[in-house]
Protein backbone atom coordinates (compact mmCIF):
# COMPACT_ATOMS: atom_id res chain seq x y z
CA MET A 1 0.03 0.02 -0.01
CA LEU A 2 1.08 3.53 -0.65
CA PHE A 3 -0.05 6.60 1.32
CA ARG A 4 -0.38 10.35 0.44
CA SER A 5 0.27 12.92 3.08
CA SER A 6 -2.93 14.80 4.01
CA ASP A 7 -1.14 18.06 3.94
CA GLU A 8 -0.07 17.87 0.26
CA ASP A 9 0.16 21.44 -1.17
CA ASP A 10 -0.66 22.13 -4.91
CA SER A 11 -0.07 25.80 -4.83
CA PRO A 12 2.30 27.35 -7.45
CA SER A 13 4.61 28.68 -4.55
CA ALA A 14 5.34 25.05 -3.65
CA ASN A 15 6.99 24.38 -7.02
CA GLN A 16 9.47 27.24 -7.63
CA GLU A 17 12.52 25.59 -6.33
CA SER A 18 14.30 22.32 -7.46
CA ILE A 19 13.10 19.11 -6.18
CA LEU A 20 16.55 18.64 -4.73
CA THR A 21 15.92 21.42 -2.09
CA GLU A 22 13.02 19.54 -0.44
CA LYS A 23 15.19 18.23 2.51
CA ASN A 24 12.35 15.92 3.77
CA LEU A 25 12.03 14.23 0.49
CA ILE A 26 15.77 13.66 0.15
CA THR A 27 15.94 12.18 3.74
CA GLY A 28 13.07 10.05 2.73
CA VAL A 29 14.81 8.71 -0.35
CA ILE A 30 17.76 7.80 1.76
CA ALA A 31 15.51 6.13 4.41
CA GLN A 32 13.83 4.12 1.52
CA PHE A 33 17.21 3.18 0.13
CA PHE A 34 18.26 1.83 3.46
CA TYR A 35 14.87 0.12 4.07
CA VAL A 36 14.74 -1.79 0.91
CA GLY A 37 18.38 -2.81 1.41
CA ALA A 38 17.38 -4.22 4.94
CA GLN A 39 14.40 -5.84 3.56
CA VAL A 40 16.18 -7.68 0.96
CA CYS A 41 19.16 -8.69 3.34
CA VAL A 42 16.86 -10.11 6.01
CA SER A 43 14.84 -12.28 3.64
CA SER A 44 17.56 -13.20 1.13
CA PHE A 45 20.01 -14.60 3.76
CA PHE A 46 17.31 -16.06 5.96
CA ILE A 47 17.70 -19.76 5.07
CA ARG A 48 21.53 -19.54 5.28
CA PHE A 49 21.21 -17.79 8.70
CA VAL A 50 18.75 -20.32 9.92
CA SER A 51 21.06 -23.26 8.82
CA GLN A 52 24.17 -21.75 10.55
CA ALA A 53 22.71 -20.14 13.52
CA ALA A 54 20.14 -22.77 14.58
CA ASN A 55 21.59 -25.92 12.81
CA ILE A 56 18.37 -26.36 10.93
CA THR A 57 18.27 -28.12 7.58
CA GLU A 58 17.34 -26.37 4.27
CA LYS A 59 13.83 -27.85 4.02
CA PRO A 60 12.63 -26.80 7.53
CA ALA A 61 14.43 -23.40 7.08
CA ALA A 62 12.44 -22.81 3.87
CA LYS A 63 9.29 -23.51 5.86
CA LEU A 64 10.38 -20.97 8.36
CA LEU A 65 10.96 -18.49 5.69
CA SER A 66 7.26 -18.99 4.66
CA ILE A 67 6.29 -18.26 8.15
CA ALA A 68 8.38 -15.10 8.23
CA LEU A 69 6.77 -13.86 4.96
CA LEU A 70 3.40 -14.59 6.44
CA ALA A 71 4.25 -12.54 9.36
CA PHE A 72 5.22 -9.70 6.95
CA MET A 73 1.72 -9.79 5.47
CA VAL A 74 -0.01 -10.02 8.73
CA GLY A 75 2.03 -7.09 10.16
CA ARG A 76 1.00 -4.84 7.21
CA PHE A 77 -2.71 -5.35 8.15
CA PHE A 78 -2.00 -4.83 11.87
CA GLY A 79 0.26 -1.89 11.24
CA THR A 80 -2.49 -0.22 9.11
CA PHE A 81 -4.98 -0.82 11.92
CA LEU A 82 -2.56 0.70 14.47
CA MET A 83 -2.26 3.87 12.36
CA ARG A 84 -5.79 4.76 13.39
CA PHE A 85 -4.52 5.31 16.85
CA ILE A 86 -0.77 6.12 16.40
CA ALA A 87 0.83 8.68 14.12
CA PRO A 88 2.60 6.86 11.22
CA SER A 89 5.91 8.52 11.91
CA ARG A 90 5.83 7.53 15.57
CA LEU A 91 4.94 3.81 14.65
CA LEU A 92 7.73 3.98 11.98
CA ALA A 93 10.09 4.92 14.74
CA LEU A 94 8.85 2.40 17.09
CA TYR A 95 9.10 -0.33 14.66
CA SER A 96 12.68 0.75 13.67
CA LEU A 97 13.71 0.56 17.30
CA LEU A 98 12.22 -2.91 17.66
CA ASN A 99 13.86 -4.09 14.46
CA ILE A 100 17.29 -2.90 15.73
CA GLY A 101 16.76 -4.71 19.05
CA LEU A 102 15.59 -7.88 17.33
CA LEU A 103 18.57 -8.00 15.01
CA ALA A 104 20.75 -7.42 17.99
CA ILE A 105 19.24 -10.71 19.35
CA ALA A 106 19.71 -12.34 15.98
CA VAL A 107 23.29 -11.54 16.01
CA THR A 108 24.12 -12.50 19.72
CA GLY A 109 21.53 -15.16 20.43
CA HIS A 110 21.90 -18.94 20.21
CA GLY A 111 19.63 -21.78 19.33
CA GLN A 112 16.13 -20.97 17.82
CA VAL A 113 15.88 -17.57 19.56
CA PRO A 114 17.73 -15.68 16.65
CA VAL A 115 15.16 -17.40 14.22
CA TYR A 116 12.19 -15.99 16.07
CA ALA A 117 13.90 -12.71 16.35
CA LEU A 118 14.18 -12.63 12.38
CA ILE A 119 10.59 -13.63 12.04
CA GLY A 120 9.77 -10.61 14.32
CA VAL A 121 11.74 -8.41 12.03
CA GLU A 122 9.72 -9.36 9.02
CA PHE A 123 6.66 -8.54 11.01
CA PHE A 124 7.86 -5.07 11.92
CA MET A 125 9.22 -4.19 8.61
CA SER A 126 5.86 -4.60 6.94
CA ILE A 127 4.46 -1.08 7.17
CA MET A 128 7.86 0.68 6.46
CA PHE A 129 7.92 1.03 2.62
CA PRO A 130 4.49 2.76 2.37
CA THR A 131 4.96 4.74 5.41
CA ILE A 132 8.25 6.11 4.24
CA PHE A 133 6.88 6.88 0.82
CA ALA A 134 3.93 8.80 2.13
CA LEU A 135 6.05 10.96 4.51
CA SER A 136 8.57 11.54 1.91
CA ILE A 137 6.18 13.12 -0.70
CA ARG A 138 4.11 15.15 1.75
CA GLY A 139 3.61 18.82 0.75
CA LEU A 140 5.32 18.46 -2.63
CA GLY A 141 2.27 19.73 -4.60
CA SER A 142 2.72 19.29 -8.42
CA LYS A 143 6.17 17.98 -7.73
CA THR A 144 4.75 14.89 -6.15
CA LYS A 145 5.05 12.70 -9.19
CA LEU A 146 8.76 13.52 -9.53
CA GLY A 147 9.29 13.08 -5.79
CA SER A 148 7.42 9.77 -5.99
CA SER A 149 9.86 8.71 -8.69
CA LEU A 150 12.89 9.46 -6.69
CA VAL A 151 11.58 7.47 -3.68
CA ILE A 152 10.81 4.53 -6.08
CA MET A 153 14.29 4.64 -7.40
CA ALA A 154 15.65 4.05 -3.77
CA ILE A 155 14.81 0.39 -4.31
CA ALA A 156 18.33 0.26 -5.60
CA GLY A 157 19.23 -0.33 -1.96
CA GLY A 158 18.11 -3.79 -2.44
CA ALA A 159 20.95 -4.36 -4.85
CA PHE A 160 23.54 -2.61 -2.84
CA PHE A 161 23.47 -3.83 0.72
CA PRO A 162 23.34 -7.56 0.06
CA VAL A 163 26.60 -7.36 -1.59
CA ILE A 164 28.01 -5.78 1.58
CA MET A 165 26.24 -8.37 3.73
CA GLY A 166 27.65 -11.25 1.77
CA GLN A 167 31.17 -9.87 2.16
CA VAL A 168 30.79 -9.47 5.90
CA SER A 169 29.37 -12.99 6.10
CA ASP A 170 32.40 -14.33 4.33
CA LEU A 171 34.89 -12.43 6.52
CA THR A 172 32.95 -13.28 9.83
CA THR A 173 29.88 -15.33 10.20
CA MET A 174 26.25 -15.13 8.96
CA GLN A 175 25.09 -13.97 12.17
CA THR A 176 27.52 -11.16 12.51
CA ALA A 177 26.56 -10.26 8.93
CA TYR A 178 23.07 -9.28 10.10
CA LEU A 179 24.59 -6.07 11.65
CA VAL A 180 24.14 -4.72 8.26
CA PRO A 181 20.46 -4.62 8.14
CA ALA A 182 20.45 -3.47 11.89
CA CYS A 183 22.53 -0.49 10.83
CA CYS A 184 20.07 0.20 7.91
CA PHE A 185 17.26 0.85 10.45
CA LEU A 186 19.19 3.83 11.96
CA PRO A 187 18.46 6.26 9.04
CA ILE A 188 14.85 5.12 9.03
CA LEU A 189 14.62 5.95 12.71
CA TYR A 190 16.13 9.33 12.04
CA PHE A 191 13.78 9.96 9.29
CA ALA A 192 10.62 8.87 11.46
CA VAL A 193 11.73 11.24 14.26
CA LYS A 194 12.11 14.16 11.92
CA ASN A 195 8.52 13.73 10.85
CA PHE A 196 7.04 13.52 14.32
CA THR A 197 4.91 16.64 13.63
CA VAL A 198 3.04 14.70 10.83
CA LYS A 199 -0.12 13.27 12.36
CA ASN A 200 -1.93 11.63 9.37
CA VAL A 201 -1.37 10.17 5.96
CA THR A 202 -4.02 9.01 3.52
CA LEU A 203 -4.29 5.68 1.83
CA THR A 204 -4.29 6.04 -1.98
CA ALA A 205 -3.02 2.74 -3.48
CA SER A 206 -1.72 -0.74 -2.73
CA HIS A 207 1.80 -2.04 -2.83
């Protein structure tokens, strides 16, 4: 799902400057770049992580990945419901903090605990893409389409961070490599905090 900010401005004065002067948009593009990178890292290396950290064979690990992806879907509906009561930016900040904590458990834990932590990360990642998108393009007016394009281009993070994570895993362990997505949630947390004054965003499409 994608959202549109409720305070979108279509006035001519909002469109006189370059799109690159929109600080909130640029911060949002960066946040989205890191988010997509984190999402791809967490999911792509999941089976390998489970095999090494919990000594689970590939077939059961694949089933656990299915559960994790189901948690992602359930989290999307649950997060959308929570936004009726909690400002999207604050929920984004809370989920970012929870994911950092869960990934810390995944990196340092033993047995099946790290596996459950990663499933939790999938759950709490679920609302991030549409929420970052909505907060990024708020107030852009007729520059919204161009701003939206920039945010969508940030999916390039999904090609960048897995390479780094793979190199870290080769040099250390798969568990240690999950520090990469953990660090990715820091810019998202920063972006969320910067948008604490935004109370509402409006659902416009699905993702």
